[in-house]
C-alpha atoms as a PDB file:
ATOM      1  CA  MET A   1      12.481  29.525 -41.050  1.00  0.00           C
ATOM      2  CA  LYS A   2       9.455  27.336 -41.705  1.00  0.00           C
ATOM      3  CA  VAL A   3       5.835  27.938 -40.813  1.00  0.00           C
ATOM      4  CA  VAL A   4       3.050  25.409 -41.198  1.00  0.00           C
ATOM      5  CA  LEU A   5      -0.073  27.567 -41.362  1.00  0.00           C
ATOM      6  CA  GLN A   6      -3.465  25.976 -40.783  1.00  0.00           C
ATOM      7  CA  ARG A   7      -6.656  27.964 -41.108  1.00  0.00           C
ATOM      8  CA  SER A   8      -8.736  26.989 -38.108  1.00  0.00           C
ATOM      9  CA  LYS A   9     -12.209  27.435 -36.698  1.00  0.00           C
ATOM     10  CA  THR A  10     -10.801  27.041 -33.185  1.00  0.00           C
ATOM     11  CA  ALA A  11      -7.421  26.097 -31.738  1.00  0.00           C
ATOM     12  CA  SER A  12      -5.752  25.865 -28.355  1.00  0.00           C
ATOM     13  CA  VAL A  13      -2.528  24.892 -26.617  1.00  0.00           C
ATOM     14  CA  THR A  14      -2.489  23.253 -23.199  1.00  0.00           C
ATOM     15  CA  VAL A  15       0.607  22.799 -21.023  1.00  0.00           C
ATOM     16  CA  ASP A  16       0.386  20.756 -17.810  1.00  0.00           C
ATOM     17  CA  GLY A  17      -3.412  20.967 -17.863  1.00  0.00           C
ATOM     18  CA  THR A  18      -3.484  24.757 -18.309  1.00  0.00           C
ATOM     19  CA  VAL A  19      -4.574  26.445 -21.532  1.00  0.00           C
ATOM     20  CA  THR A  20      -1.758  28.847 -22.479  1.00  0.00           C
ATOM     21  CA  GLY A  21      -3.273  30.094 -25.733  1.00  0.00           C
ATOM     22  CA  ALA A  22      -6.592  29.759 -27.516  1.00  0.00           C
ATOM     23  CA  ILE A  23      -8.256  31.346 -30.538  1.00  0.00           C
ATOM     24  CA  GLU A  24     -11.479  31.147 -32.429  1.00  0.00           C
ATOM     25  CA  SER A  25     -11.354  31.754 -36.197  1.00  0.00           C
ATOM     26  CA  GLY A  26      -7.823  32.366 -37.458  1.00  0.00           C
ATOM     27  CA  TYR A  27      -4.523  30.615 -38.060  1.00  0.00           C
ATOM     28  CA  ILE A  28      -2.518  28.166 -36.051  1.00  0.00           C
ATOM     29  CA  LEU A  29       1.158  28.534 -36.907  1.00  0.00           C
ATOM     30  CA  LEU A  30       3.712  25.811 -36.227  1.00  0.00           C
ATOM     31  CA  VAL A  31       7.017  27.691 -36.331  1.00  0.00           C
ATOM     32  CA  GLY A  32      10.424  26.100 -36.940  1.00  0.00           C
ATOM     33  CA  ILE A  33      13.684  28.004 -36.799  1.00  0.00           C
ATOM     34  CA  THR A  34      17.058  26.913 -38.142  1.00  0.00           C
ATOM     35  CA  HIS A  35      20.646  28.114 -37.548  1.00  0.00           C
ATOM     36  CA  GLU A  36      20.796  30.560 -40.459  1.00  0.00           C
ATOM     37  CA  ASP A  37      17.562  32.406 -39.630  1.00  0.00           C
ATOM     38  CA  THR A  38      17.720  36.136 -38.900  1.00  0.00           C
ATOM     39  CA  MET A  39      15.369  39.046 -38.329  1.00  0.00           C
ATOM     40  CA  GLU A  40      15.002  39.267 -42.129  1.00  0.00           C
ATOM     41  CA  ASP A  41      13.325  35.841 -42.062  1.00  0.00           C
ATOM     42  CA  VAL A  42      11.091  36.929 -39.181  1.00  0.00           C
ATOM     43  CA  VAL A  43       9.972  40.107 -40.953  1.00  0.00           C
ATOM     44  CA  TYR A  44       9.415  38.326 -44.276  1.00  0.00           C
ATOM     45  CA  LEU A  45       7.260  35.549 -42.828  1.00  0.00           C
ATOM     46  CA  ALA A  46       5.256  37.833 -40.522  1.00  0.00           C
ATOM     47  CA  LYS A  47       4.348  39.997 -43.514  1.00  0.00           C
ATOM     48  CA  LYS A  48       3.523  36.905 -45.591  1.00  0.00           C
ATOM     49  CA  VAL A  49       1.242  35.467 -42.882  1.00  0.00           C
ATOM     50  CA  ALA A  50      -0.543  38.793 -42.368  1.00  0.00           C
ATOM     51  CA  ASN A  51      -1.189  39.348 -46.073  1.00  0.00           C
ATOM     52  CA  LEU A  52      -1.714  35.828 -47.432  1.00  0.00           C
ATOM     53  CA  ARG A  53      -5.170  35.650 -49.010  1.00  0.00           C
ATOM     54  CA  LEU A  54      -6.762  32.495 -47.602  1.00  0.00           C
ATOM     55  CA  TRP A  55     -10.250  33.731 -46.715  1.00  0.00           C
ATOM     56  CA  GLU A  56     -13.176  33.672 -49.124  1.00  0.00           C
ATOM     57  CA  ASP A  57     -14.786  36.739 -50.612  1.00  0.00           C
ATOM     58  CA  THR A  58     -18.502  36.928 -51.511  1.00  0.00           C
ATOM     59  CA  ASP A  59     -17.790  34.872 -54.651  1.00  0.00           C
ATOM     60  CA  GLY A  60     -16.184  32.069 -52.636  1.00  0.00           C
ATOM     61  CA  LYS A  61     -12.640  32.822 -53.876  1.00  0.00           C
ATOM     62  CA  MET A  62      -9.693  33.109 -51.516  1.00  0.00           C
ATOM     63  CA  ASN A  63      -9.214  36.869 -51.856  1.00  0.00           C
ATOM     64  CA  HIS A  64      -9.065  38.130 -48.259  1.00  0.00           C
ATOM     65  CA  SER A  65      -6.204  38.164 -45.786  1.00  0.00           C
ATOM     66  CA  ILE A  66      -6.646  37.484 -42.101  1.00  0.00           C
ATOM     67  CA  LEU A  67      -6.374  41.251 -41.625  1.00  0.00           C
ATOM     68  CA  GLU A  68      -9.440  41.762 -43.838  1.00  0.00           C
ATOM     69  CA  HIS A  69     -11.323  38.739 -42.551  1.00  0.00           C
ATOM     70  CA  GLY A  70     -10.542  39.227 -38.888  1.00  0.00           C
ATOM     71  CA  GLY A  71      -9.285  36.485 -36.663  1.00  0.00           C
ATOM     72  CA  ALA A  72      -6.356  35.663 -34.460  1.00  0.00           C
ATOM     73  CA  ILE A  73      -3.098  33.742 -34.506  1.00  0.00           C
ATOM     74  CA  LEU A  74      -2.023  30.846 -32.304  1.00  0.00           C
ATOM     75  CA  SER A  75       1.768  30.544 -32.621  1.00  0.00           C
ATOM     76  CA  VAL A  76       3.507  27.351 -31.518  1.00  0.00           C
ATOM     77  CA  SER A  77       7.270  26.887 -31.621  1.00  0.00           C
ATOM     78  CA  GLN A  78       8.080  23.511 -33.179  1.00  0.00           C
ATOM     79  CA  PHE A  79      11.707  22.496 -33.659  1.00  0.00           C
ATOM     80  CA  THR A  80      10.619  19.169 -35.165  1.00  0.00           C
ATOM     81  CA  LEU A  81       9.856  20.968 -38.446  1.00  0.00           C
ATOM     82  CA  TYR A  82      13.602  20.720 -39.024  1.00  0.00           C
ATOM     83  CA  GLY A  83      13.705  17.002 -38.317  1.00  0.00           C
ATOM     84  CA  ASP A  84      15.626  15.009 -40.933  1.00  0.00           C
ATOM     85  CA  ALA A  85      14.480  11.397 -41.351  1.00  0.00           C
ATOM     86  CA  LYS A  86      16.351  10.569 -44.577  1.00  0.00           C
ATOM     87  CA  LYS A  87      18.634   8.058 -42.869  1.00  0.00           C
ATOM     88  CA  GLY A  88      17.466   5.428 -40.421  1.00  0.00           C
ATOM     89  CA  ASN A  89      14.337   5.578 -38.322  1.00  0.00           C
ATOM     90  CA  ARG A  90      15.274   8.191 -35.750  1.00  0.00           C
ATOM     91  CA  PRO A  91      15.070  11.791 -37.009  1.00  0.00           C
ATOM     92  CA  SER A  92      18.001  14.099 -36.539  1.00  0.00           C
ATOM     93  CA  PHE A  93      17.217  17.586 -35.300  1.00  0.00           C
ATOM     94  CA  THR A  94      20.643  19.142 -35.884  1.00  0.00           C
ATOM     95  CA  SER A  95      19.168  21.600 -38.392  1.00  0.00           C
ATOM     96  CA  ALA A  96      16.924  23.122 -35.730  1.00  0.00           C
ATOM     97  CA  ALA A  97      18.341  26.202 -34.028  1.00  0.00           C
ATOM     98  CA  ARG A  98      19.400  25.892 -30.400  1.00  0.00           C
ATOM     99  CA  PRO A  99      16.914  27.356 -27.897  1.00  0.00           C
ATOM    100  CA  GLU A 100      19.074  30.416 -27.184  1.00  0.00           C
ATOM    101  CA  VAL A 101      18.806  31.328 -30.891  1.00  0.00           C
ATOM    102  CA  ALA A 102      15.309  30.039 -31.651  1.00  0.00           C
ATOM    103  CA  GLU A 103      13.358  31.480 -28.720  1.00  0.00           C
ATOM    104  CA  PRO A 104      14.251  35.158 -29.317  1.00  0.00           C
ATOM    105  CA  LEU A 105      13.472  34.783 -33.042  1.00  0.00           C
ATOM    106  CA  TRP A 106      10.135  33.102 -32.286  1.00  0.00           C
ATOM    107  CA  GLU A 107       9.275  35.898 -29.832  1.00  0.00           C
ATOM    108  CA  ALA A 108      10.294  38.492 -32.448  1.00  0.00           C
ATOM    109  CA  PHE A 109       8.095  36.729 -35.025  1.00  0.00           C
ATOM    110  CA  ASN A 110       5.108  36.888 -32.680  1.00  0.00           C
ATOM    111  CA  GLN A 111       5.785  40.576 -32.018  1.00  0.00           C
ATOM    112  CA  ALA A 112       6.083  41.278 -35.759  1.00  0.00           C
ATOM    113  CA  LEU A 113       2.661  39.674 -36.262  1.00  0.00           C
ATOM    114  CA  ARG A 114       1.252  41.915 -33.520  1.00  0.00           C
ATOM    115  CA  GLU A 115       2.781  44.945 -35.236  1.00  0.00           C
ATOM    116  CA  HIS A 116       0.748  44.022 -38.330  1.00  0.00           C
ATOM    117  CA  GLY A 117      -2.350  44.419 -36.146  1.00  0.00           C
ATOM    118  CA  LEU A 118      -2.963  40.750 -35.369  1.00  0.00           C
ATOM    119  CA  HIS A 119      -3.981  39.304 -32.012  1.00  0.00           C
ATOM    120  CA  VAL A 120      -1.423  36.588 -31.173  1.00  0.00           C
ATOM    121  CA  GLU A 121      -1.748  33.832 -28.596  1.00  0.00           C
ATOM    122  CA  THR A 122       1.105  31.387 -28.008  1.00  0.00           C
ATOM    123  CA  GLY A 123       2.209  28.105 -26.635  1.00  0.00           C
ATOM    124  CA  ILE A 124       5.209  27.951 -24.294  1.00  0.00           C
ATOM    125  CA  PHE A 125       8.630  27.679 -25.902  1.00  0.00           C
ATOM    126  CA  GLY A 126      10.270  24.318 -25.232  1.00  0.00           C
ATOM    127  CA  ALA A 127       7.323  22.842 -23.325  1.00  0.00           C
ATOM    128  CA  MET A 128       5.483  19.620 -24.067  1.00  0.00           C
ATOM    129  CA  MET A 129       2.223  20.949 -25.463  1.00  0.00           C
ATOM    130  CA  ASP A 130      -1.142  19.474 -26.322  1.00  0.00           C
ATOM    131  CA  VAL A 131      -2.315  21.268 -29.452  1.00  0.00           C
ATOM    132  CA  ALA A 132      -5.957  21.023 -30.489  1.00  0.00           C
ATOM    133  CA  LEU A 133      -7.586  22.487 -33.567  1.00  0.00           C
ATOM    134  CA  ILE A 134     -10.506  22.251 -35.902  1.00  0.00           C
ATOM    135  CA  ASN A 135      -8.994  22.831 -39.334  1.00  0.00           C
ATOM    136  CA  ASP A 136     -11.120  25.082 -41.522  1.00  0.00           C
ATOM    137  CA  GLY A 137     -11.345  23.887 -45.103  1.00  0.00           C
ATOM    138  CA  PRO A 138      -8.993  22.172 -44.571  1.00  0.00           C
ATOM    139  CA  VAL A 139      -6.499  24.847 -45.540  1.00  0.00           C
ATOM    140  CA  THR A 140      -2.850  24.086 -44.766  1.00  0.00           C
ATOM    141  CA  ILE A 141       0.080  26.015 -46.264  1.00  0.00           C
ATOM    142  CA  LEU A 142       3.832  25.510 -45.800  1.00  0.00           C
ATOM    143  CA  LEU A 143       5.768  28.786 -45.812  1.00  0.00           C
ATOM    144  CA  GLU A 144       9.550  29.048 -45.897  1.00  0.00           C
ATOM    145  CA  SER A 145      11.730  32.115 -45.711  1.00  0.00           C
ATOM    146  CA  LYS A 146      14.589  30.693 -47.784  1.00  0.00           C
END
């Protein structure tokens, strides 16, 4: 499982002209799931996201988690994180989990974040989405469960 985490001042997802999720200060998470991912990966990354210290303390050092800072999560499923472009010019997405595997794990990930006390907004699994954000920092972190 891969998560691209971006600290944001504001972020939203729009599908067919309708906003399906929007947050103010918090994280936007682009979530990729592969064939081998299990609930262990979900639990590990939800805990990591909740506790990662990416918010400044009074001394300007990144010492506070999103739980301490406050803020919300915008979670977007993104199978293209498992795109392989090593050969040729057209990426292969065979490493991405099929929707029947990926969607329940993505939903479980979002629920695990909520169980940590976070407010979670989402995109729509499998939809073409317009994602907008104002990156804060910029702070961008790649997290992997394996």
